[in-house]
Amino acid sequence: MDIEQRQSELIDHFVKRASAVSDAAALASVLVEATSHPSLFAFSEILALPNVLQLEATENSAFLDMLRLFAHGTWSDYKSNADRLPQLIPDQILKLKQLTVLTLAETHKVLPYDQLMQELDVTNVRELEDFLINECMYAGIVRGKLDQLRRCFEVQFAAGRDLRPDQLGNMIQTLSNWLSTSESLLVSIQEKIKWADAMSEIDKKHRKDVEEKVEEVKKSIFKKLHTVSRPTSTSEAMRRSALNLVE
């Protein structure tokens, strides 16, 4: 089963579970379970549930902030706001560090080891490489190459995270620019096709004109050769007549 299908099934599972819970404490427990699951990396559908949003301004609002952290934040964000958030269990800490790698890979395809160690609170290169291999690449959320000589991780693929609210406008603009560029490129290609068709027609006409001229030259040469050969035949006839007279 590929990671996208597995994600979809897990999202549906936790959305149904969270939707069916009315008690705030029980809902908080479901959110902890969702953010701890080793194969779930998308949370926007759960975050959009009305009963989850109703946690705002309640005694359990910290669990809503925790879910937002897992949807959009990083390990550094948690450390900066740990006093306002529930204490994370080890599985949540691992998940948040995995999500941190995905966030870094969104904008940079070469991630220096020093940056990764700082963002993930890793103390040495061996520990970092083990984390990238065992917890990220084996999990299927990233693919890439560990470059020990250059001390960096070259990202070849990274799974996408939930869109932050402020990212939607930029994404729409990016897609609009891409659409405009694609339309311009399509017009340019169509013009080149028309130009190629026109040149092909010109080439066909030129070939036809050349063939007609060649045919005219052939006819002209044949006519001249025929005309030159006729005096020779007349002289031969006169010579024979003279011979006959002599005889």
Protein backbone atom coordinates (compact mmCIF):
# COMPACT_ATOMS: atom_id res chain seq x y z
CA MET A 1 0.00 0.00 0.00
CA ASP A 2 1.48 3.39 -1.00
CA ILE A 3 1.84 6.23 1.47
CA GLU A 4 -0.92 8.36 -0.13
CA GLN A 5 -3.53 5.61 0.18
CA ARG A 6 -2.47 4.85 3.75
CA GLN A 7 -2.71 8.55 4.63
CA SER A 8 -6.21 8.77 3.16
CA GLU A 9 -7.42 5.77 5.15
CA LEU A 10 -5.95 7.08 8.41
CA ILE A 11 -7.41 10.54 7.87
CA ASP A 12 -10.87 9.04 7.31
CA HIS A 13 -10.44 6.88 10.41
CA PHE A 14 -9.52 9.72 12.74
CA VAL A 15 -12.04 12.14 11.24
CA LYS A 16 -14.82 9.65 11.98
CA ARG A 17 -13.54 9.02 15.49
CA ALA A 18 -13.15 12.72 16.31
CA SER A 19 -16.54 13.58 14.80
CA ALA A 20 -18.28 11.01 16.97
CA VAL A 21 -16.85 12.39 20.22
CA SER A 22 -18.73 15.06 22.14
CA ASP A 23 -16.79 15.04 25.40
CA ALA A 24 -13.84 17.47 25.30
CA ALA A 25 -11.53 15.24 27.33
CA ALA A 26 -12.24 12.24 25.10
CA LEU A 27 -11.69 14.40 22.02
CA ALA A 28 -8.32 15.53 23.40
CA SER A 29 -7.37 11.86 23.79
CA VAL A 30 -8.24 11.20 20.13
CA LEU A 31 -6.09 14.17 19.06
CA VAL A 32 -3.13 12.84 21.04
CA GLU A 33 -3.58 9.44 19.43
CA ALA A 34 -3.78 10.97 15.93
CA THR A 35 -0.65 13.07 16.40
CA SER A 36 1.17 10.02 17.79
CA HIS A 37 0.31 7.65 14.96
CA PRO A 38 3.51 6.64 13.12
CA SER A 39 1.93 6.76 9.65
CA LEU A 40 -0.23 9.90 9.83
CA PHE A 41 1.34 13.17 8.64
CA ALA A 42 -1.68 15.29 7.61
CA PHE A 43 -4.11 16.86 10.07
CA SER A 44 -6.04 19.63 8.28
CA GLU A 45 -9.19 17.52 7.86
CA ILE A 46 -9.28 16.80 11.60
CA LEU A 47 -8.47 20.43 12.37
CA ALA A 48 -11.48 21.58 10.30
CA LEU A 49 -14.03 19.56 12.30
CA PRO A 50 -16.56 21.82 14.08
CA ASN A 51 -16.29 20.02 17.43
CA VAL A 52 -12.48 20.27 17.29
CA LEU A 53 -12.66 24.02 16.60
CA GLN A 54 -15.03 24.37 19.54
CA LEU A 55 -12.11 23.58 21.83
CA GLU A 56 -11.02 27.18 21.30
CA ALA A 57 -11.19 29.25 24.50
CA THR A 58 -11.96 26.20 26.64
CA GLU A 59 -9.86 24.48 29.26
CA ASN A 60 -8.83 22.03 26.54
CA SER A 61 -7.82 24.70 23.98
CA ALA A 62 -4.17 23.66 24.38
CA PHE A 63 -5.00 20.45 22.52
CA LEU A 64 -6.35 22.49 19.60
CA ASP A 65 -3.09 24.47 19.58
CA MET A 66 -1.21 21.16 19.69
CA LEU A 67 -3.10 19.93 16.63
CA ARG A 68 -2.30 23.18 14.81
CA LEU A 69 1.34 22.67 15.71
CA PHE A 70 1.34 19.23 14.09
CA ALA A 71 -0.47 20.57 11.03
CA HIS A 72 1.84 23.51 10.39
CA GLY A 73 4.61 23.82 12.99
CA THR A 74 8.06 22.46 13.75
CA TRP A 75 10.04 21.20 16.71
CA SER A 76 11.48 24.70 17.19
CA ASP A 77 7.94 26.10 17.36
CA TYR A 78 7.09 23.61 20.09
CA LYS A 79 10.16 24.53 22.14
CA SER A 80 9.24 28.21 21.86
CA ASN A 81 5.68 27.57 23.09
CA ALA A 82 6.08 24.49 25.28
CA ASP A 83 4.65 26.27 28.33
CA ARG A 84 1.31 26.79 26.52
CA LEU A 85 1.07 23.29 25.00
CA PRO A 86 0.51 19.81 26.40
CA GLN A 87 3.67 17.90 27.16
CA LEU A 88 4.45 15.67 24.19
CA ILE A 89 4.98 11.94 24.54
CA PRO A 90 7.98 10.31 22.74
CA ASP A 91 5.92 9.26 19.69
CA GLN A 92 4.71 12.84 19.25
CA ILE A 93 8.23 14.20 19.57
CA LEU A 94 9.42 11.82 16.87
CA LYS A 95 6.49 12.79 14.64
CA LEU A 96 7.10 16.50 15.06
CA LYS A 97 10.77 16.11 14.18
CA GLN A 98 9.81 14.16 11.05
CA LEU A 99 7.43 16.97 10.12
CA THR A 100 10.24 19.46 10.74
CA VAL A 101 12.36 17.73 8.09
CA LEU A 102 9.44 17.98 5.65
CA THR A 103 9.09 21.71 6.35
CA LEU A 104 12.80 22.30 5.70
CA ALA A 105 12.63 20.24 2.50
CA GLU A 106 9.76 22.38 1.15
CA THR A 107 12.06 25.28 0.29
CA HIS A 108 15.57 23.80 0.18
CA LYS A 109 16.75 20.75 -1.71
CA VAL A 110 20.13 20.69 0.02
CA LEU A 111 19.92 20.65 3.82
CA PRO A 112 23.21 21.20 5.71
CA TYR A 113 23.86 18.80 8.57
CA ASP A 114 24.53 21.70 10.94
CA GLN A 115 21.10 23.19 10.24
CA LEU A 116 19.37 19.84 10.67
CA MET A 117 21.15 19.08 13.94
CA GLN A 118 20.15 22.47 15.32
CA GLU A 119 16.50 22.17 14.22
CA LEU A 120 16.15 18.58 15.48
CA ASP A 121 18.22 18.86 18.67
CA VAL A 122 20.62 16.19 17.44
CA THR A 123 24.14 16.24 18.89
CA ASN A 124 26.21 14.38 16.27
CA VAL A 125 26.26 13.37 12.62
CA ARG A 126 25.79 9.66 13.29
CA GLU A 127 22.60 10.28 15.23
CA LEU A 128 21.35 12.63 12.51
CA GLU A 129 22.02 10.19 9.67
CA ASP A 130 20.36 7.36 11.61
CA PHE A 131 17.29 9.57 12.08
CA LEU A 132 17.13 10.54 8.40
CA ILE A 133 17.51 6.92 7.27
CA ASN A 134 15.40 5.07 9.83
CA GLU A 135 12.71 7.60 10.65
CA CYS A 136 12.37 9.57 7.41
CA MET A 137 13.52 7.60 4.37
CA TYR A 138 12.32 4.19 5.60
CA ALA A 139 9.01 5.82 6.54
CA GLY A 140 8.66 6.94 2.91
CA ILE A 141 8.21 10.62 3.66
CA VAL A 142 11.52 11.68 2.07
CA ARG A 143 14.04 10.33 -0.40
CA GLY A 144 17.51 11.66 -0.85
CA LYS A 145 21.26 11.23 -0.58
CA LEU A 146 23.44 11.61 2.49
CA ASP A 147 26.63 13.43 1.52
CA GLN A 148 29.13 12.94 4.35
CA LEU A 149 31.87 14.79 2.49
CA ARG A 150 29.81 17.96 2.06
CA ARG A 151 27.93 17.34 5.33
CA CYS A 152 24.48 17.72 3.81
CA PHE A 153 21.30 15.87 2.89
CA GLU A 154 20.31 16.20 -0.79
CA VAL A 155 16.51 15.99 -1.01
CA GLN A 156 15.09 14.17 -4.02
CA PHE A 157 11.50 13.86 -2.77
CA ALA A 158 9.56 15.07 0.25
CA ALA A 159 5.92 14.49 1.12
CA GLY A 160 3.83 17.64 1.37
CA ARG A 161 2.51 19.01 4.64
CA ASP A 162 -0.84 20.65 5.38
CA LEU A 163 -1.14 24.09 3.85
CA ARG A 164 -0.93 26.98 6.27
CA PRO A 165 -3.71 29.57 5.87
CA ASP A 166 -1.25 32.15 4.55
CA GLN A 167 0.08 29.72 1.95
CA LEU A 168 -3.19 29.35 0.03
CA GLY A 169 -3.03 32.77 -1.61
CA ASN A 170 0.58 32.23 -2.68
CA MET A 171 -0.27 28.81 -4.07
CA ILE A 172 -3.21 30.19 -6.06
CA GLN A 173 -0.96 32.93 -7.44
CA THR A 174 1.73 30.39 -8.32
CA LEU A 175 -0.79 28.18 -10.12
CA SER A 176 -2.23 31.22 -11.93
CA ASN A 177 1.24 32.23 -13.09
CA TRP A 178 1.90 28.66 -14.22
CA LEU A 179 -1.39 28.60 -16.13
CA SER A 180 -0.60 31.91 -17.82
CA THR A 181 2.88 30.70 -18.77
CA SER A 182 1.45 27.43 -20.10
CA GLU A 183 -1.11 29.28 -22.22
CA SER A 184 1.60 31.55 -23.66
CA LEU A 185 3.76 28.52 -24.40
CA LEU A 186 0.84 26.79 -26.10
CA VAL A 187 0.21 29.84 -28.32
CA SER A 188 3.91 29.93 -29.21
CA ILE A 189 3.90 26.22 -30.09
CA GLN A 190 0.78 26.65 -32.25
CA GLU A 191 2.41 29.56 -34.10
CA LYS A 192 5.51 27.48 -34.72
CA ILE A 193 3.35 24.64 -36.05
CA LYS A 194 1.58 27.07 -38.41
CA TRP A 195 4.97 28.43 -39.54
CA ALA A 196 6.25 24.88 -40.13
CA ASP A 197 3.11 24.02 -42.13
CA ALA A 198 3.53 27.18 -44.22
CA MET A 199 7.19 26.40 -44.88
CA SER A 200 6.22 22.87 -45.86
CA GLU A 201 3.73 24.22 -48.41
CA ILE A 202 6.34 26.64 -49.77
CA ASP A 203 8.80 23.75 -50.05
CA LYS A 204 6.24 21.62 -51.91
CA LYS A 205 5.50 24.48 -54.33
CA HIS A 206 9.22 25.07 -54.86
CA ARG A 207 9.78 21.39 -55.62
CA LYS A 208 6.87 21.40 -58.04
CA ASP A 209 8.24 24.50 -59.83
CA VAL A 210 11.70 22.90 -60.06
CA GLU A 211 10.26 19.66 -61.42
CA GLU A 212 8.25 21.60 -64.03
CA LYS A 213 11.35 23.56 -65.08
CA VAL A 214 13.37 20.35 -65.31
CA GLU A 215 10.67 18.84 -67.48
CA GLU A 216 10.67 21.94 -69.72
CA VAL A 217 14.45 21.76 -70.07
CA LYS A 218 14.22 18.05 -70.96
CA LYS A 219 11.64 18.80 -73.64
CA SER A 220 13.73 21.67 -74.99
CA ILE A 221 16.87 19.53 -75.17
CA PHE A 222 14.96 16.69 -76.84
CA LYS A 223 13.53 19.12 -79.41
CA LYS A 224 16.96 20.55 -80.24
CA LEU A 225 18.48 17.12 -80.61
CA HIS A 226 15.67 16.10 -82.94
CA THR A 227 16.20 19.26 -85.05
CA VAL A 228 19.97 18.70 -85.33
CA SER A 229 19.53 15.13 -86.49
CA ARG A 230 17.31 16.01 -89.47
CA PRO A 231 20.05 17.62 -91.75
CA THR A 232 22.14 14.56 -91.34
CA SER A 233 19.32 12.47 -92.76
CA THR A 234 18.86 14.88 -95.72
CA SER A 235 22.56 14.79 -96.66
CA GLU A 236 22.50 11.04 -96.64
CA ALA A 237 19.51 11.04 -98.98
CA MET A 238 21.26 13.42 -101.44
CA ARG A 239 24.38 11.29 -101.40
CA ARG A 240 22.39 8.24 -102.32
CA SER A 241 20.62 10.10 -105.13
CA ALA A 242 23.97 11.18 -106.62
CA LEU A 243 25.22 7.62 -106.53
CA ASN A 244 22.15 6.49 -108.36
CA LEU A 245 22.76 9.07 -111.09
CA VAL A 246 26.31 7.92 -111.55
CA GLU A 247 25.21 4.38 -111.96
